[in-house]
């Protein structure tokens, strides 16, 4: 299993601000779910539901976070490629499906299936991507 050392790009204050803005969105605006069974599960657990929109209580969110394990292993079919998560380390994963690519001559165009295949191949061969 590979481990990549932590790199801080945000200050603690910036992280706190992001957290508070996310909480504001979740508790005041809510999230639209396209999967009705998920809405029903959240409603059954006390979340406010308006159609497909779910409004969360801050305590509900914090309780779910507290229940999450602090570390775990993402298991791969090939055990050598399994990735341990926790202890402040982070995981680099590919970003599949970008809507545009930039060409060598500086142009921009929509992606193709071949572009997607090439991204998958590059990520698969990279020693730096989990």
N, C-alpha and C. Protein backbone atom coordinates (compact mmCIF):
# COMPACT_ATOMS: atom_id res chain seq x y z
N UNK A 1 0.85 -1.18 0.00
CA UNK A 1 0.00 0.00 0.00
C UNK A 1 0.89 1.24 0.00
N UNK A 2 0.51 2.21 -0.77
CA UNK A 2 1.30 3.43 -0.85
C UNK A 2 0.79 4.48 0.12
N UNK A 3 1.72 5.28 0.63
CA UNK A 3 1.36 6.40 1.49
C UNK A 3 2.06 7.64 0.96
N UNK A 4 1.30 8.71 0.86
CA UNK A 4 1.83 9.98 0.38
C UNK A 4 1.79 10.95 1.55
N UNK A 5 2.87 11.66 1.82
CA UNK A 5 2.87 12.58 2.96
C UNK A 5 1.88 13.73 2.78
N UNK A 6 1.41 14.24 3.89
CA UNK A 6 0.45 15.34 3.88
C UNK A 6 1.10 16.62 3.38
N UNK A 7 0.34 17.37 2.62
CA UNK A 7 0.76 18.69 2.17
C UNK A 7 -0.37 19.65 2.48
N UNK A 8 -0.07 20.72 3.22
CA UNK A 8 -1.11 21.68 3.57
C UNK A 8 -1.16 22.78 2.53
N UNK A 9 -2.34 23.00 1.99
CA UNK A 9 -2.51 24.09 1.02
C UNK A 9 -3.44 25.17 1.59
N UNK A 10 -4.15 24.84 2.68
CA UNK A 10 -5.05 25.78 3.32
C UNK A 10 -4.65 25.96 4.78
N UNK A 11 -4.89 27.14 5.30
CA UNK A 11 -4.67 27.37 6.73
C UNK A 11 -5.83 26.77 7.51
N UNK A 12 -5.68 26.61 8.82
CA UNK A 12 -6.77 26.11 9.65
C UNK A 12 -7.98 27.03 9.55
N UNK A 13 -7.74 28.34 9.50
CA UNK A 13 -8.85 29.29 9.38
C UNK A 13 -9.59 29.12 8.05
N UNK A 14 -8.87 28.86 6.98
CA UNK A 14 -9.51 28.65 5.69
C UNK A 14 -10.35 27.37 5.69
N UNK A 15 -9.83 26.33 6.32
CA UNK A 15 -10.58 25.07 6.43
C UNK A 15 -11.85 25.31 7.24
N UNK A 16 -11.73 26.04 8.35
CA UNK A 16 -12.90 26.34 9.19
C UNK A 16 -13.94 27.15 8.40
N UNK A 17 -13.48 28.08 7.61
CA UNK A 17 -14.41 28.90 6.82
C UNK A 17 -15.14 28.06 5.78
N UNK A 18 -14.40 27.18 5.11
CA UNK A 18 -15.03 26.28 4.14
C UNK A 18 -16.06 25.40 4.84
N UNK A 19 -15.70 24.86 6.00
CA UNK A 19 -16.62 24.02 6.76
C UNK A 19 -17.90 24.78 7.11
N UNK A 20 -17.76 26.01 7.56
CA UNK A 20 -18.94 26.80 7.93
C UNK A 20 -19.81 27.12 6.72
N UNK A 21 -19.20 27.40 5.57
CA UNK A 21 -19.98 27.67 4.36
C UNK A 21 -20.70 26.42 3.88
N UNK A 22 -20.04 25.27 3.98
CA UNK A 22 -20.70 24.01 3.61
C UNK A 22 -21.88 23.75 4.54
N UNK A 23 -21.68 23.96 5.84
CA UNK A 23 -22.77 23.78 6.80
C UNK A 23 -23.94 24.72 6.47
N UNK A 24 -23.63 25.93 6.08
CA UNK A 24 -24.67 26.90 5.73
C UNK A 24 -25.49 26.39 4.55
N UNK A 25 -24.81 25.89 3.53
CA UNK A 25 -25.50 25.34 2.36
C UNK A 25 -26.37 24.16 2.76
N UNK A 26 -25.82 23.23 3.53
CA UNK A 26 -26.56 22.02 3.89
C UNK A 26 -27.74 22.30 4.82
N UNK A 27 -27.59 23.29 5.72
CA UNK A 27 -28.64 23.54 6.71
C UNK A 27 -29.64 24.61 6.29
N UNK A 28 -29.28 25.46 5.34
CA UNK A 28 -30.18 26.53 4.91
C UNK A 28 -30.75 26.32 3.51
N UNK A 29 -29.93 25.85 2.59
CA UNK A 29 -30.35 25.67 1.20
C UNK A 29 -30.73 24.21 0.94
N UNK A 30 -29.90 23.30 1.39
CA UNK A 30 -30.15 21.88 1.21
C UNK A 30 -29.53 21.33 -0.06
N UNK A 31 -29.83 20.08 -0.32
CA UNK A 31 -29.27 19.35 -1.46
C UNK A 31 -30.40 18.66 -2.19
N UNK A 32 -30.42 18.78 -3.52
CA UNK A 32 -31.40 18.07 -4.34
C UNK A 32 -30.88 16.67 -4.65
N UNK A 33 -31.70 15.68 -4.36
CA UNK A 33 -31.37 14.28 -4.63
C UNK A 33 -32.25 13.78 -5.77
N UNK A 34 -31.65 13.12 -6.73
CA UNK A 34 -32.42 12.55 -7.84
C UNK A 34 -32.83 11.11 -7.56
N UNK A 35 -32.36 10.56 -6.46
CA UNK A 35 -32.66 9.17 -6.11
C UNK A 35 -33.64 9.17 -4.94
N UNK A 36 -34.91 8.92 -5.26
CA UNK A 36 -35.99 9.01 -4.27
C UNK A 36 -35.76 8.14 -3.02
N UNK A 37 -35.25 6.90 -3.15
CA UNK A 37 -35.02 6.11 -1.94
C UNK A 37 -34.05 6.79 -0.95
N UNK A 38 -33.08 7.53 -1.46
CA UNK A 38 -32.16 8.25 -0.57
C UNK A 38 -32.91 9.33 0.20
N UNK A 39 -33.80 10.03 -0.48
CA UNK A 39 -34.61 11.06 0.17
C UNK A 39 -35.44 10.44 1.29
N UNK A 40 -36.03 9.29 1.02
CA UNK A 40 -36.87 8.61 2.02
C UNK A 40 -36.05 8.18 3.23
N UNK A 41 -34.85 7.69 3.01
CA UNK A 41 -33.98 7.29 4.13
C UNK A 41 -33.64 8.50 4.98
N UNK A 42 -33.28 9.60 4.35
CA UNK A 42 -32.93 10.81 5.10
C UNK A 42 -34.15 11.37 5.83
N UNK A 43 -35.30 11.32 5.20
CA UNK A 43 -36.53 11.78 5.85
C UNK A 43 -36.83 10.92 7.08
N UNK A 44 -36.64 9.61 6.94
CA UNK A 44 -36.87 8.69 8.06
C UNK A 44 -35.92 8.94 9.23
N UNK A 45 -34.78 9.56 8.92
CA UNK A 45 -33.80 9.88 9.95
C UNK A 45 -33.94 11.33 10.44
N UNK A 46 -35.05 11.96 10.11
CA UNK A 46 -35.37 13.27 10.67
C UNK A 46 -34.99 14.48 9.86
N UNK A 47 -34.48 14.28 8.66
CA UNK A 47 -34.13 15.43 7.82
C UNK A 47 -35.40 16.04 7.23
N UNK A 48 -35.39 17.35 7.05
CA UNK A 48 -36.51 18.05 6.44
C UNK A 48 -36.45 17.82 4.93
N UNK A 49 -37.59 17.47 4.35
CA UNK A 49 -37.65 17.17 2.92
C UNK A 49 -38.70 18.06 2.27
N UNK A 50 -38.31 18.65 1.13
CA UNK A 50 -39.24 19.45 0.33
C UNK A 50 -39.10 18.96 -1.11
N UNK A 51 -39.97 18.03 -1.50
CA UNK A 51 -39.84 17.42 -2.82
C UNK A 51 -38.61 16.52 -2.84
N UNK A 52 -37.66 16.86 -3.69
CA UNK A 52 -36.41 16.08 -3.75
C UNK A 52 -35.28 16.79 -2.99
N UNK A 53 -35.59 17.93 -2.38
CA UNK A 53 -34.57 18.68 -1.65
C UNK A 53 -34.57 18.27 -0.18
N UNK A 54 -33.37 18.02 0.34
CA UNK A 54 -33.20 17.65 1.74
C UNK A 54 -32.43 18.75 2.44
N UNK A 55 -32.99 19.21 3.57
CA UNK A 55 -32.35 20.20 4.43
C UNK A 55 -31.86 19.45 5.67
N UNK A 56 -30.59 19.58 5.97
CA UNK A 56 -29.99 18.85 7.08
C UNK A 56 -29.90 19.72 8.33
N UNK A 57 -29.99 19.08 9.48
CA UNK A 57 -29.69 19.74 10.75
C UNK A 57 -28.19 19.59 10.99
N UNK A 58 -27.59 20.61 11.55
CA UNK A 58 -26.15 20.58 11.82
C UNK A 58 -25.77 19.37 12.68
N UNK A 59 -26.56 19.08 13.70
CA UNK A 59 -26.27 17.95 14.58
C UNK A 59 -26.27 16.63 13.80
N UNK A 60 -27.21 16.47 12.87
CA UNK A 60 -27.27 15.27 12.05
C UNK A 60 -25.95 15.10 11.28
N UNK A 61 -25.49 16.17 10.68
CA UNK A 61 -24.24 16.13 9.90
C UNK A 61 -23.07 15.79 10.81
N UNK A 62 -22.97 16.49 11.93
CA UNK A 62 -21.85 16.27 12.85
C UNK A 62 -21.87 14.85 13.42
N UNK A 63 -23.07 14.32 13.69
CA UNK A 63 -23.16 12.94 14.19
C UNK A 63 -22.69 11.94 13.14
N UNK A 64 -23.04 12.16 11.86
CA UNK A 64 -22.59 11.25 10.80
C UNK A 64 -21.07 11.32 10.64
N UNK A 65 -20.52 12.52 10.75
CA UNK A 65 -19.06 12.67 10.65
C UNK A 65 -18.39 11.93 11.80
N UNK A 66 -18.94 12.05 13.00
CA UNK A 66 -18.36 11.39 14.18
C UNK A 66 -18.40 9.87 14.04
N UNK A 67 -19.37 9.35 13.30
CA UNK A 67 -19.48 7.90 13.10
C UNK A 67 -18.50 7.36 12.05
N UNK A 68 -17.97 8.24 11.22
CA UNK A 68 -17.07 7.80 10.15
C UNK A 68 -15.75 7.31 10.74
N UNK A 69 -15.20 6.23 10.20
CA UNK A 69 -13.92 5.74 10.72
C UNK A 69 -12.80 6.75 10.44
N UNK A 70 -11.85 6.81 11.34
CA UNK A 70 -10.73 7.74 11.17
C UNK A 70 -9.69 7.20 10.20
N UNK A 71 -9.74 5.90 9.95
CA UNK A 71 -8.83 5.30 8.97
C UNK A 71 -9.48 4.04 8.41
N UNK A 72 -9.10 3.71 7.19
CA UNK A 72 -9.63 2.52 6.52
C UNK A 72 -8.76 2.24 5.30
N UNK A 73 -8.98 1.09 4.69
CA UNK A 73 -8.24 0.71 3.50
C UNK A 73 -9.20 0.58 2.33
N UNK A 74 -8.89 1.28 1.24
CA UNK A 74 -9.63 1.09 -0.01
C UNK A 74 -9.03 -0.14 -0.67
N UNK A 75 -9.79 -1.19 -0.75
CA UNK A 75 -9.28 -2.45 -1.28
C UNK A 75 -9.34 -2.47 -2.80
N UNK A 76 -8.23 -2.84 -3.40
CA UNK A 76 -8.15 -3.00 -4.85
C UNK A 76 -8.20 -4.49 -5.18
N UNK A 77 -8.52 -4.79 -6.42
CA UNK A 77 -8.49 -6.20 -6.84
C UNK A 77 -7.09 -6.77 -6.64
N UNK A 78 -6.09 -5.97 -6.98
CA UNK A 78 -4.69 -6.34 -6.75
C UNK A 78 -4.29 -5.74 -5.40
N UNK A 79 -4.08 -6.56 -4.40
CA UNK A 79 -3.81 -6.09 -3.04
C UNK A 79 -2.65 -5.08 -2.99
N UNK A 80 -1.69 -5.20 -3.90
CA UNK A 80 -0.57 -4.25 -3.93
C UNK A 80 -1.04 -2.84 -4.24
N UNK A 81 -2.20 -2.71 -4.85
CA UNK A 81 -2.72 -1.40 -5.21
C UNK A 81 -3.75 -0.88 -4.21
N UNK A 82 -3.98 -1.63 -3.12
CA UNK A 82 -4.88 -1.14 -2.07
C UNK A 82 -4.27 0.10 -1.44
N UNK A 83 -5.12 1.00 -0.98
CA UNK A 83 -4.66 2.29 -0.47
C UNK A 83 -5.21 2.52 0.93
N UNK A 84 -4.32 2.79 1.84
CA UNK A 84 -4.68 3.08 3.22
C UNK A 84 -5.04 4.56 3.35
N UNK A 85 -6.12 4.85 4.06
CA UNK A 85 -6.58 6.22 4.24
C UNK A 85 -6.62 6.53 5.72
N UNK A 86 -5.99 7.60 6.11
CA UNK A 86 -6.04 8.02 7.51
C UNK A 86 -4.75 8.67 7.94
N UNK A 87 -4.70 9.07 9.23
CA UNK A 87 -3.52 9.66 9.84
C UNK A 87 -3.05 10.90 9.09
N UNK A 88 -4.00 11.65 8.52
CA UNK A 88 -3.65 12.90 7.86
C UNK A 88 -3.11 12.76 6.46
N UNK A 89 -2.95 11.53 5.96
CA UNK A 89 -2.44 11.38 4.59
C UNK A 89 -3.57 11.65 3.60
N UNK A 90 -3.20 11.92 2.38
CA UNK A 90 -4.22 12.13 1.36
C UNK A 90 -3.97 11.20 0.19
N UNK A 91 -4.99 11.08 -0.64
CA UNK A 91 -4.95 10.15 -1.76
C UNK A 91 -5.09 10.94 -3.05
N UNK A 92 -4.27 10.63 -4.00
CA UNK A 92 -4.37 11.24 -5.32
C UNK A 92 -5.13 10.29 -6.22
N UNK A 93 -6.21 10.77 -6.80
CA UNK A 93 -7.00 9.96 -7.72
C UNK A 93 -7.19 10.70 -9.03
N UNK A 94 -7.43 9.98 -10.09
CA UNK A 94 -7.62 10.65 -11.37
C UNK A 94 -8.96 11.36 -11.43
N UNK A 95 -9.01 12.36 -12.27
CA UNK A 95 -10.25 13.09 -12.52
C UNK A 95 -10.79 12.61 -13.85
N UNK A 96 -11.69 11.66 -13.80
CA UNK A 96 -12.23 11.12 -15.04
C UNK A 96 -13.29 12.04 -15.61
N UNK A 97 -13.38 12.07 -16.90
CA UNK A 97 -14.46 12.75 -17.58
C UNK A 97 -14.38 14.25 -17.68
N UNK A 98 -13.19 14.86 -17.84
CA UNK A 98 -13.17 16.30 -18.01
C UNK A 98 -13.90 16.68 -19.30
N UNK A 99 -14.64 17.78 -19.29
CA UNK A 99 -15.42 18.14 -20.48
C UNK A 99 -14.57 18.67 -21.63
N UNK A 100 -13.38 19.18 -21.31
CA UNK A 100 -12.52 19.75 -22.35
C UNK A 100 -11.09 19.28 -22.16
N UNK A 101 -10.33 19.29 -23.24
CA UNK A 101 -8.89 19.06 -23.18
C UNK A 101 -8.20 20.19 -23.93
N UNK A 102 -6.97 20.44 -23.54
CA UNK A 102 -6.17 21.44 -24.22
C UNK A 102 -5.19 20.73 -25.15
N UNK A 103 -5.07 21.23 -26.35
CA UNK A 103 -4.20 20.62 -27.34
C UNK A 103 -2.80 21.19 -27.22
N UNK A 104 -1.85 20.51 -27.84
CA UNK A 104 -0.45 20.94 -27.76
C UNK A 104 -0.24 22.32 -28.37
N UNK A 105 -1.10 22.73 -29.29
CA UNK A 105 -0.96 24.05 -29.90
C UNK A 105 -1.71 25.13 -29.14
N UNK A 106 -2.20 24.80 -27.94
CA UNK A 106 -2.87 25.79 -27.10
C UNK A 106 -4.36 25.90 -27.30
N UNK A 107 -4.91 25.08 -28.19
CA UNK A 107 -6.36 25.12 -28.41
C UNK A 107 -7.11 24.32 -27.34
N UNK A 108 -8.42 24.46 -27.38
CA UNK A 108 -9.28 23.73 -26.45
C UNK A 108 -10.40 23.09 -27.26
N UNK A 109 -10.72 21.83 -26.91
CA UNK A 109 -11.79 21.12 -27.61
C UNK A 109 -12.49 20.19 -26.64
N UNK A 110 -13.67 19.74 -27.06
CA UNK A 110 -14.41 18.75 -26.28
C UNK A 110 -13.66 17.43 -26.28
N UNK A 111 -13.88 16.63 -25.24
CA UNK A 111 -13.17 15.35 -25.14
C UNK A 111 -13.84 14.28 -25.98
N UNK A 112 -13.05 13.25 -26.23
CA UNK A 112 -13.52 12.09 -26.99
C UNK A 112 -13.33 10.84 -26.14
N UNK A 113 -13.86 9.73 -26.61
CA UNK A 113 -13.64 8.45 -25.93
C UNK A 113 -12.16 8.10 -25.89
N UNK A 114 -11.45 8.46 -26.94
CA UNK A 114 -10.00 8.20 -26.97
C UNK A 114 -9.29 9.00 -25.89
N UNK A 115 -9.71 10.26 -25.66
CA UNK A 115 -9.11 11.06 -24.59
C UNK A 115 -9.31 10.37 -23.24
N UNK A 116 -10.52 9.90 -23.00
CA UNK A 116 -10.83 9.21 -21.75
C UNK A 116 -9.94 7.98 -21.58
N UNK A 117 -9.81 7.19 -22.64
CA UNK A 117 -8.98 5.99 -22.60
C UNK A 117 -7.53 6.36 -22.28
N UNK A 118 -7.03 7.43 -22.87
CA UNK A 118 -5.66 7.86 -22.62
C UNK A 118 -5.46 8.30 -21.17
N UNK A 119 -6.44 9.00 -20.60
CA UNK A 119 -6.35 9.42 -19.20
C UNK A 119 -6.30 8.19 -18.30
N UNK A 120 -7.15 7.22 -18.58
CA UNK A 120 -7.17 5.99 -17.78
C UNK A 120 -5.80 5.30 -17.85
N UNK A 121 -5.23 5.19 -19.03
CA UNK A 121 -3.91 4.55 -19.19
C UNK A 121 -2.83 5.30 -18.42
N UNK A 122 -2.83 6.62 -18.54
CA UNK A 122 -1.82 7.42 -17.83
C UNK A 122 -1.94 7.25 -16.32
N UNK A 123 -3.16 7.31 -15.83
CA UNK A 123 -3.38 7.16 -14.39
C UNK A 123 -2.99 5.77 -13.91
N UNK A 124 -3.30 4.77 -14.70
CA UNK A 124 -2.98 3.39 -14.33
C UNK A 124 -1.47 3.20 -14.20
N UNK A 125 -0.72 3.83 -15.05
CA UNK A 125 0.74 3.65 -15.05
C UNK A 125 1.47 4.57 -14.07
N UNK A 126 0.81 5.57 -13.58
CA UNK A 126 1.46 6.54 -12.68
C UNK A 126 1.73 5.92 -11.31
N UNK A 127 2.92 6.14 -10.81
CA UNK A 127 3.28 5.70 -9.46
C UNK A 127 2.77 6.69 -8.42
N UNK A 128 2.31 7.87 -8.85
CA UNK A 128 1.91 8.93 -7.92
C UNK A 128 0.40 9.03 -7.72
N UNK A 129 -0.35 8.24 -8.46
CA UNK A 129 -1.80 8.26 -8.33
C UNK A 129 -2.25 6.95 -7.72
N UNK A 130 -3.06 7.05 -6.68
CA UNK A 130 -3.52 5.85 -5.99
C UNK A 130 -4.60 5.18 -6.78
